[in-house]
Amino acid sequence: MASWTSAARRLLERGRVGHLATADATGRPHVVPVCYAFDENALYFVADEKPKRTAARSLKRLRNLRENPHAALVVDEWDEDWTRLAWVMVRGPAGVETEATRRADALARLRRRYPQYDAMRLDDADAHPLVRLSAALITTWRAT
């Protein structure tokens, strides 16, 4: 497992949205924005109560992870001054977290980052799957 560099940690802490890339069994890509939290080894996101077109377990990102567990998440800093551009990409295996203690810790981390989650009933693991993306490879880039 890779460990967070100080640059990666800063970008993840400052970032508010990540872009999750998954692919189905045929390699067809799918990218969606997600709210995320992280610990020493992984990133987490949950299928929350924001409006969706389908039940959480049927979301394309979760179907893709069942078919192909390889995923990546990018968090970037954008600025019109291109000398200030930066990003971090975390790649590794991902899947629904079923271990209760780890799930509870990840939800607490998500709620600390996003107060909107306090009003959501996310404790039902079937209705709101939580995904753990293991940080196998971490890449950072900065323009300067």
N, C-alpha and C. Protein backbone atom coordinates (compact mmCIF):
# COMPACT_ATOMS: atom_id res chain seq x y z
N MET A 1 0.84 -1.18 0.00
CA MET A 1 0.00 0.00 0.00
C MET A 1 0.89 1.24 0.00
N ALA A 2 0.55 2.20 -0.82
CA ALA A 2 1.29 3.46 -0.87
C ALA A 2 0.92 4.32 0.34
N SER A 3 1.76 5.26 0.67
CA SER A 3 1.43 6.17 1.77
C SER A 3 1.34 7.59 1.21
N TRP A 4 0.54 8.40 1.88
CA TRP A 4 0.31 9.77 1.42
C TRP A 4 1.57 10.59 1.60
N THR A 5 1.98 11.28 0.55
CA THR A 5 3.02 12.30 0.70
C THR A 5 2.35 13.53 1.29
N SER A 6 3.15 14.46 1.77
CA SER A 6 2.57 15.69 2.31
C SER A 6 1.81 16.45 1.22
N ALA A 7 2.33 16.43 -0.01
CA ALA A 7 1.65 17.12 -1.12
C ALA A 7 0.30 16.47 -1.41
N ALA A 8 0.25 15.14 -1.44
CA ALA A 8 -1.01 14.45 -1.70
C ALA A 8 -2.01 14.72 -0.59
N ARG A 9 -1.56 14.65 0.65
CA ARG A 9 -2.44 14.90 1.79
C ARG A 9 -3.03 16.32 1.73
N ARG A 10 -2.19 17.32 1.42
CA ARG A 10 -2.69 18.70 1.33
C ARG A 10 -3.76 18.83 0.25
N LEU A 11 -3.52 18.26 -0.91
CA LEU A 11 -4.50 18.34 -2.00
C LEU A 11 -5.81 17.65 -1.60
N LEU A 12 -5.71 16.50 -0.98
CA LEU A 12 -6.93 15.78 -0.57
C LEU A 12 -7.67 16.53 0.53
N GLU A 13 -6.95 17.13 1.46
CA GLU A 13 -7.60 17.88 2.54
C GLU A 13 -8.29 19.12 2.02
N ARG A 14 -7.67 19.83 1.08
CA ARG A 14 -8.26 21.06 0.54
C ARG A 14 -9.38 20.78 -0.46
N GLY A 15 -9.28 19.68 -1.16
CA GLY A 15 -10.27 19.37 -2.18
C GLY A 15 -11.65 19.10 -1.60
N ARG A 16 -12.66 19.43 -2.35
CA ARG A 16 -14.03 19.20 -1.90
C ARG A 16 -14.73 18.14 -2.75
N VAL A 17 -14.23 17.92 -3.96
CA VAL A 17 -14.85 16.93 -4.85
C VAL A 17 -13.74 16.16 -5.56
N GLY A 18 -13.97 14.87 -5.70
CA GLY A 18 -13.06 14.04 -6.46
C GLY A 18 -13.78 13.50 -7.68
N HIS A 19 -13.04 13.13 -8.68
CA HIS A 19 -13.63 12.54 -9.89
C HIS A 19 -13.20 11.07 -9.93
N LEU A 20 -14.19 10.21 -9.77
CA LEU A 20 -13.97 8.78 -9.70
C LEU A 20 -14.07 8.16 -11.08
N ALA A 21 -13.03 7.43 -11.46
CA ALA A 21 -13.02 6.72 -12.74
C ALA A 21 -13.11 5.22 -12.47
N THR A 22 -14.10 4.60 -13.11
CA THR A 22 -14.25 3.15 -13.08
C THR A 22 -14.40 2.69 -14.52
N ALA A 23 -14.33 1.38 -14.71
CA ALA A 23 -14.55 0.81 -16.04
C ALA A 23 -15.28 -0.51 -15.87
N ASP A 24 -16.13 -0.81 -16.83
CA ASP A 24 -16.83 -2.10 -16.77
C ASP A 24 -15.91 -3.22 -17.24
N ALA A 25 -16.43 -4.43 -17.34
CA ALA A 25 -15.62 -5.59 -17.71
C ALA A 25 -15.01 -5.46 -19.11
N THR A 26 -15.64 -4.67 -19.98
CA THR A 26 -15.11 -4.49 -21.34
C THR A 26 -14.13 -3.33 -21.43
N GLY A 27 -13.95 -2.61 -20.32
CA GLY A 27 -13.03 -1.47 -20.31
C GLY A 27 -13.68 -0.15 -20.63
N ARG A 28 -15.00 -0.12 -20.79
CA ARG A 28 -15.69 1.14 -21.08
C ARG A 28 -15.64 2.03 -19.84
N PRO A 29 -15.05 3.24 -19.97
CA PRO A 29 -14.86 4.10 -18.80
C PRO A 29 -16.13 4.82 -18.36
N HIS A 30 -16.12 5.20 -17.09
CA HIS A 30 -17.22 5.95 -16.48
C HIS A 30 -16.59 6.84 -15.42
N VAL A 31 -16.87 8.14 -15.46
CA VAL A 31 -16.31 9.09 -14.50
C VAL A 31 -17.44 9.89 -13.88
N VAL A 32 -17.44 9.98 -12.53
CA VAL A 32 -18.45 10.75 -11.82
C VAL A 32 -17.80 11.53 -10.68
N PRO A 33 -18.37 12.68 -10.33
CA PRO A 33 -17.87 13.40 -9.17
C PRO A 33 -18.37 12.73 -7.89
N VAL A 34 -17.53 12.71 -6.86
CA VAL A 34 -17.92 12.14 -5.57
C VAL A 34 -17.36 12.98 -4.43
N CYS A 35 -18.08 12.97 -3.32
CA CYS A 35 -17.57 13.50 -2.07
C CYS A 35 -16.74 12.37 -1.45
N TYR A 36 -15.64 12.68 -0.82
CA TYR A 36 -14.74 11.64 -0.34
C TYR A 36 -14.14 12.02 1.01
N ALA A 37 -13.67 11.00 1.69
CA ALA A 37 -12.86 11.16 2.90
C ALA A 37 -11.72 10.16 2.77
N PHE A 38 -10.72 10.29 3.62
CA PHE A 38 -9.60 9.36 3.54
C PHE A 38 -9.00 9.11 4.91
N ASP A 39 -8.33 7.96 5.02
CA ASP A 39 -7.55 7.64 6.20
C ASP A 39 -6.13 7.32 5.75
N GLU A 40 -5.38 6.60 6.54
CA GLU A 40 -3.98 6.34 6.23
C GLU A 40 -3.79 5.50 4.97
N ASN A 41 -4.79 4.68 4.59
CA ASN A 41 -4.60 3.70 3.53
C ASN A 41 -5.56 3.79 2.36
N ALA A 42 -6.62 4.59 2.48
CA ALA A 42 -7.66 4.50 1.46
C ALA A 42 -8.49 5.77 1.40
N LEU A 43 -9.25 5.87 0.30
CA LEU A 43 -10.28 6.89 0.13
C LEU A 43 -11.63 6.21 0.25
N TYR A 44 -12.64 6.96 0.70
CA TYR A 44 -13.98 6.42 0.87
C TYR A 44 -15.01 7.36 0.27
N PHE A 45 -16.05 6.80 -0.30
CA PHE A 45 -17.21 7.58 -0.72
C PHE A 45 -18.44 6.69 -0.53
N VAL A 46 -19.59 7.35 -0.39
CA VAL A 46 -20.82 6.62 -0.10
C VAL A 46 -21.88 6.98 -1.13
N ALA A 47 -22.72 6.03 -1.46
CA ALA A 47 -23.90 6.30 -2.29
C ALA A 47 -24.90 6.97 -1.37
N ASP A 48 -24.92 8.28 -1.37
CA ASP A 48 -25.69 9.04 -0.38
C ASP A 48 -27.13 9.26 -0.82
N GLU A 49 -27.83 10.18 -0.14
CA GLU A 49 -29.24 10.43 -0.41
C GLU A 49 -29.50 11.50 -1.46
N LYS A 50 -28.43 12.05 -2.08
CA LYS A 50 -28.69 13.00 -3.16
C LYS A 50 -29.49 12.27 -4.23
N PRO A 51 -30.33 12.98 -5.00
CA PRO A 51 -31.17 12.30 -6.00
C PRO A 51 -30.35 11.46 -6.98
N LYS A 52 -30.83 10.26 -7.23
CA LYS A 52 -30.21 9.34 -8.18
C LYS A 52 -31.30 8.82 -9.11
N ARG A 53 -30.88 8.35 -10.27
CA ARG A 53 -31.85 7.79 -11.23
C ARG A 53 -32.23 6.36 -10.92
N THR A 54 -31.45 5.72 -10.04
CA THR A 54 -31.65 4.30 -9.75
C THR A 54 -31.29 4.03 -8.30
N ALA A 55 -31.61 2.85 -7.82
CA ALA A 55 -31.22 2.45 -6.47
C ALA A 55 -29.70 2.44 -6.37
N ALA A 56 -29.18 2.70 -5.19
CA ALA A 56 -27.75 2.84 -4.99
C ALA A 56 -26.96 1.64 -5.51
N ARG A 57 -27.37 0.44 -5.22
CA ARG A 57 -26.62 -0.75 -5.64
C ARG A 57 -26.60 -0.91 -7.16
N SER A 58 -27.51 -0.22 -7.85
CA SER A 58 -27.57 -0.30 -9.31
C SER A 58 -26.80 0.82 -10.00
N LEU A 59 -26.20 1.71 -9.23
CA LEU A 59 -25.43 2.80 -9.84
C LEU A 59 -24.31 2.24 -10.71
N LYS A 60 -24.06 2.88 -11.81
CA LYS A 60 -23.06 2.42 -12.77
C LYS A 60 -21.68 2.26 -12.10
N ARG A 61 -21.31 3.20 -11.23
CA ARG A 61 -19.99 3.10 -10.58
C ARG A 61 -19.88 1.82 -9.74
N LEU A 62 -20.97 1.43 -9.08
CA LEU A 62 -20.94 0.21 -8.26
C LEU A 62 -21.02 -1.05 -9.12
N ARG A 63 -21.80 -1.00 -10.18
CA ARG A 63 -21.82 -2.14 -11.11
C ARG A 63 -20.43 -2.35 -11.71
N ASN A 64 -19.79 -1.25 -12.11
CA ASN A 64 -18.45 -1.35 -12.67
C ASN A 64 -17.47 -1.98 -11.68
N LEU A 65 -17.52 -1.56 -10.43
CA LEU A 65 -16.59 -2.09 -9.44
C LEU A 65 -16.82 -3.58 -9.17
N ARG A 66 -18.05 -4.03 -9.31
CA ARG A 66 -18.31 -5.47 -9.17
C ARG A 66 -17.70 -6.24 -10.34
N GLU A 67 -17.70 -5.63 -11.53
CA GLU A 67 -17.14 -6.27 -12.72
C GLU A 67 -15.62 -6.11 -12.80
N ASN A 68 -15.12 -4.97 -12.35
CA ASN A 68 -13.71 -4.62 -12.51
C ASN A 68 -13.33 -3.75 -11.32
N PRO A 69 -12.60 -4.27 -10.36
CA PRO A 69 -12.32 -3.52 -9.13
C PRO A 69 -11.25 -2.43 -9.27
N HIS A 70 -10.66 -2.26 -10.45
CA HIS A 70 -9.65 -1.22 -10.62
C HIS A 70 -10.32 0.14 -10.76
N ALA A 71 -9.85 1.11 -9.96
CA ALA A 71 -10.47 2.45 -9.98
C ALA A 71 -9.40 3.51 -9.75
N ALA A 72 -9.77 4.75 -10.06
CA ALA A 72 -8.89 5.89 -9.80
C ALA A 72 -9.76 7.07 -9.38
N LEU A 73 -9.20 7.91 -8.53
CA LEU A 73 -9.88 9.12 -8.11
C LEU A 73 -8.90 10.27 -8.25
N VAL A 74 -9.34 11.36 -8.90
CA VAL A 74 -8.51 12.55 -9.09
C VAL A 74 -9.15 13.71 -8.34
N VAL A 75 -8.32 14.44 -7.62
CA VAL A 75 -8.70 15.70 -6.99
C VAL A 75 -7.75 16.74 -7.55
N ASP A 76 -8.32 17.83 -8.07
CA ASP A 76 -7.45 18.84 -8.69
C ASP A 76 -7.73 20.22 -8.15
N GLU A 77 -6.73 21.07 -8.29
CA GLU A 77 -6.86 22.50 -7.98
C GLU A 77 -6.73 23.25 -9.29
N TRP A 78 -7.76 24.01 -9.60
CA TRP A 78 -7.78 24.78 -10.85
C TRP A 78 -7.60 26.25 -10.54
N ASP A 79 -6.90 26.95 -11.41
CA ASP A 79 -6.73 28.39 -11.29
C ASP A 79 -6.48 28.93 -12.69
N GLU A 80 -6.97 30.12 -12.97
CA GLU A 80 -6.70 30.75 -14.26
C GLU A 80 -5.20 31.00 -14.43
N ASP A 81 -4.50 31.17 -13.32
CA ASP A 81 -3.05 31.26 -13.35
C ASP A 81 -2.52 29.83 -13.37
N TRP A 82 -2.08 29.38 -14.52
CA TRP A 82 -1.73 27.97 -14.69
C TRP A 82 -0.48 27.57 -13.91
N THR A 83 0.22 28.52 -13.33
CA THR A 83 1.34 28.14 -12.47
C THR A 83 0.84 27.59 -11.13
N ARG A 84 -0.45 27.72 -10.86
CA ARG A 84 -1.04 27.24 -9.59
C ARG A 84 -1.78 25.91 -9.73
N LEU A 85 -1.75 25.31 -10.90
CA LEU A 85 -2.46 24.06 -11.12
C LEU A 85 -1.80 22.92 -10.36
N ALA A 86 -2.63 21.99 -9.87
CA ALA A 86 -2.11 20.82 -9.17
C ALA A 86 -3.18 19.73 -9.16
N TRP A 87 -2.74 18.48 -9.02
CA TRP A 87 -3.69 17.39 -8.86
C TRP A 87 -3.03 16.21 -8.16
N VAL A 88 -3.88 15.36 -7.60
CA VAL A 88 -3.45 14.10 -7.02
C VAL A 88 -4.36 13.02 -7.59
N MET A 89 -3.76 11.88 -7.96
CA MET A 89 -4.54 10.75 -8.45
C MET A 89 -4.21 9.54 -7.58
N VAL A 90 -5.28 8.89 -7.11
CA VAL A 90 -5.14 7.69 -6.28
C VAL A 90 -5.71 6.53 -7.08
N ARG A 91 -4.88 5.49 -7.26
CA ARG A 91 -5.32 4.32 -8.01
C ARG A 91 -5.18 3.08 -7.14
N GLY A 92 -6.10 2.14 -7.36
CA GLY A 92 -6.02 0.88 -6.64
C GLY A 92 -7.32 0.11 -6.73
N PRO A 93 -7.37 -1.01 -6.04
CA PRO A 93 -8.60 -1.80 -6.03
C PRO A 93 -9.66 -1.13 -5.16
N ALA A 94 -10.89 -1.26 -5.57
CA ALA A 94 -12.00 -0.65 -4.83
C ALA A 94 -13.16 -1.63 -4.75
N GLY A 95 -13.92 -1.49 -3.69
CA GLY A 95 -15.10 -2.32 -3.51
C GLY A 95 -15.90 -1.85 -2.33
N VAL A 96 -17.09 -2.39 -2.19
CA VAL A 96 -17.98 -2.01 -1.10
C VAL A 96 -17.38 -2.49 0.22
N GLU A 97 -17.29 -1.58 1.17
CA GLU A 97 -16.77 -1.89 2.51
C GLU A 97 -17.88 -2.54 3.34
N THR A 98 -17.61 -3.73 3.85
CA THR A 98 -18.62 -4.44 4.64
C THR A 98 -18.23 -4.56 6.11
N GLU A 99 -16.97 -4.28 6.44
CA GLU A 99 -16.54 -4.40 7.83
C GLU A 99 -17.13 -3.23 8.62
N ALA A 100 -17.90 -3.53 9.67
CA ALA A 100 -18.71 -2.53 10.38
C ALA A 100 -17.88 -1.41 10.99
N THR A 101 -16.78 -1.73 11.63
CA THR A 101 -15.98 -0.69 12.29
C THR A 101 -15.36 0.25 11.27
N ARG A 102 -14.83 -0.30 10.20
CA ARG A 102 -14.22 0.53 9.16
C ARG A 102 -15.28 1.40 8.48
N ARG A 103 -16.46 0.81 8.23
CA ARG A 103 -17.55 1.57 7.63
C ARG A 103 -17.97 2.73 8.53
N ALA A 104 -18.13 2.47 9.82
CA ALA A 104 -18.53 3.53 10.77
C ALA A 104 -17.48 4.63 10.83
N ASP A 105 -16.21 4.26 10.84
CA ASP A 105 -15.14 5.25 10.87
C ASP A 105 -15.16 6.10 9.60
N ALA A 106 -15.34 5.46 8.46
CA ALA A 106 -15.38 6.19 7.18
C ALA A 106 -16.57 7.14 7.12
N LEU A 107 -17.73 6.68 7.60
CA LEU A 107 -18.90 7.57 7.62
C LEU A 107 -18.67 8.76 8.54
N ALA A 108 -18.02 8.54 9.68
CA ALA A 108 -17.70 9.65 10.59
C ALA A 108 -16.77 10.65 9.89
N ARG A 109 -15.79 10.14 9.16
CA ARG A 109 -14.88 11.01 8.42
C ARG A 109 -15.64 11.81 7.36
N LEU A 110 -16.53 11.15 6.65
CA LEU A 110 -17.33 11.84 5.63
C LEU A 110 -18.20 12.91 6.25
N ARG A 111 -18.81 12.61 7.39
CA ARG A 111 -19.68 13.60 8.06
C ARG A 111 -18.88 14.79 8.57
N ARG A 112 -17.64 14.58 8.99
CA ARG A 112 -16.81 15.71 9.42
C ARG A 112 -16.46 16.62 8.24
N ARG A 113 -16.23 16.03 7.08
CA ARG A 113 -15.87 16.83 5.89
C ARG A 113 -17.09 17.52 5.26
N TYR A 114 -18.24 16.85 5.32
CA TYR A 114 -19.44 17.35 4.64
C TYR A 114 -20.60 17.38 5.63
N PRO A 115 -20.87 18.54 6.24
CA PRO A 115 -21.95 18.64 7.22
C PRO A 115 -23.32 18.25 6.65
N GLN A 116 -23.47 18.31 5.33
CA GLN A 116 -24.73 17.91 4.70
C GLN A 116 -25.07 16.46 5.02
N TYR A 117 -24.05 15.64 5.25
CA TYR A 117 -24.28 14.22 5.55
C TYR A 117 -24.91 14.01 6.93
N ASP A 118 -24.82 15.00 7.82
CA ASP A 118 -25.44 14.86 9.14
C ASP A 118 -26.94 14.65 9.05
N ALA A 119 -27.56 15.24 8.03
CA ALA A 119 -29.01 15.13 7.85
C ALA A 119 -29.42 13.88 7.07
N MET A 120 -28.45 13.11 6.60
CA MET A 120 -28.75 11.92 5.79
C MET A 120 -28.63 10.65 6.62
N ARG A 121 -29.53 9.72 6.37
CA ARG A 121 -29.52 8.43 7.05
C ARG A 121 -28.66 7.45 6.23
N LEU A 122 -27.38 7.45 6.51
CA LEU A 122 -26.44 6.68 5.69
C LEU A 122 -26.01 5.37 6.34
N ASP A 123 -26.53 5.06 7.53
CA ASP A 123 -26.08 3.88 8.27
C ASP A 123 -26.55 2.57 7.68
N ASP A 124 -27.57 2.58 6.85
CA ASP A 124 -28.07 1.36 6.22
C ASP A 124 -27.13 0.99 5.07
N ALA A 125 -26.30 -0.03 5.28
CA ALA A 125 -25.28 -0.41 4.30
C ALA A 125 -25.88 -0.91 3.00
N ASP A 126 -27.08 -1.50 3.05
CA ASP A 126 -27.71 -1.97 1.82
C ASP A 126 -28.22 -0.81 0.98
N ALA A 127 -28.81 0.18 1.63
CA ALA A 127 -29.36 1.33 0.91
C ALA A 127 -28.26 2.31 0.50
N HIS A 128 -27.17 2.36 1.27
CA HIS A 128 -26.11 3.35 1.03
C HIS A 128 -24.74 2.68 1.10
N PRO A 129 -24.39 1.94 0.06
CA PRO A 129 -23.08 1.28 0.06
C PRO A 129 -21.94 2.29 0.18
N LEU A 130 -20.95 1.92 0.97
CA LEU A 130 -19.75 2.73 1.15
C LEU A 130 -18.61 2.02 0.42
N VAL A 131 -17.89 2.76 -0.40
CA VAL A 131 -16.81 2.18 -1.19
C VAL A 131 -15.47 2.59 -0.60
N ARG A 132 -14.57 1.62 -0.54
CA ARG A 132 -13.19 1.84 -0.11
C ARG A 132 -12.28 1.67 -1.32
N LEU A 133 -11.54 2.72 -1.65
CA LEU A 133 -10.55 2.69 -2.72
C LEU A 133 -9.18 2.64 -2.06
N SER A 134 -8.54 1.48 -2.12
CA SER A 134 -7.21 1.32 -1.52
C SER A 134 -6.17 2.11 -2.30
N ALA A 135 -5.32 2.81 -1.59
CA ALA A 135 -4.31 3.66 -2.22
C ALA A 135 -3.09 2.82 -2.59
N ALA A 136 -3.16 2.13 -3.71
CA ALA A 136 -2.04 1.31 -4.17
C ALA A 136 -0.98 2.16 -4.87
N LEU A 137 -1.42 3.20 -5.58
CA LEU A 137 -0.50 4.10 -6.29
C LEU A 137 -1.02 5.52 -6.16
N ILE A 138 -0.17 6.41 -5.72
CA ILE A 138 -0.55 7.82 -5.52
C ILE A 138 0.39 8.67 -6.37
N THR A 139 -0.18 9.49 -7.23
CA THR A 139 0.59 10.37 -8.10
C THR A 139 0.15 11.79 -7.85
N THR A 140 1.11 12.70 -7.67
CA THR A 140 0.78 14.12 -7.55
C THR A 140 1.51 14.89 -8.63
N TRP A 141 0.95 16.02 -9.00
CA TRP A 141 1.57 16.90 -9.97
C TRP A 141 1.25 18.34 -9.59
N ARG A 142 2.21 19.21 -9.77
CA ARG A 142 2.04 20.64 -9.52
C ARG A 142 2.77 21.38 -10.63
N ALA A 143 2.19 22.48 -11.09
CA ALA A 143 2.77 23.22 -12.20
C ALA A 143 4.11 23.85 -11.85
N THR A 144 4.30 24.20 -10.58
CA THR A 144 5.57 24.84 -10.20
C THR A 144 6.29 24.01 -9.18
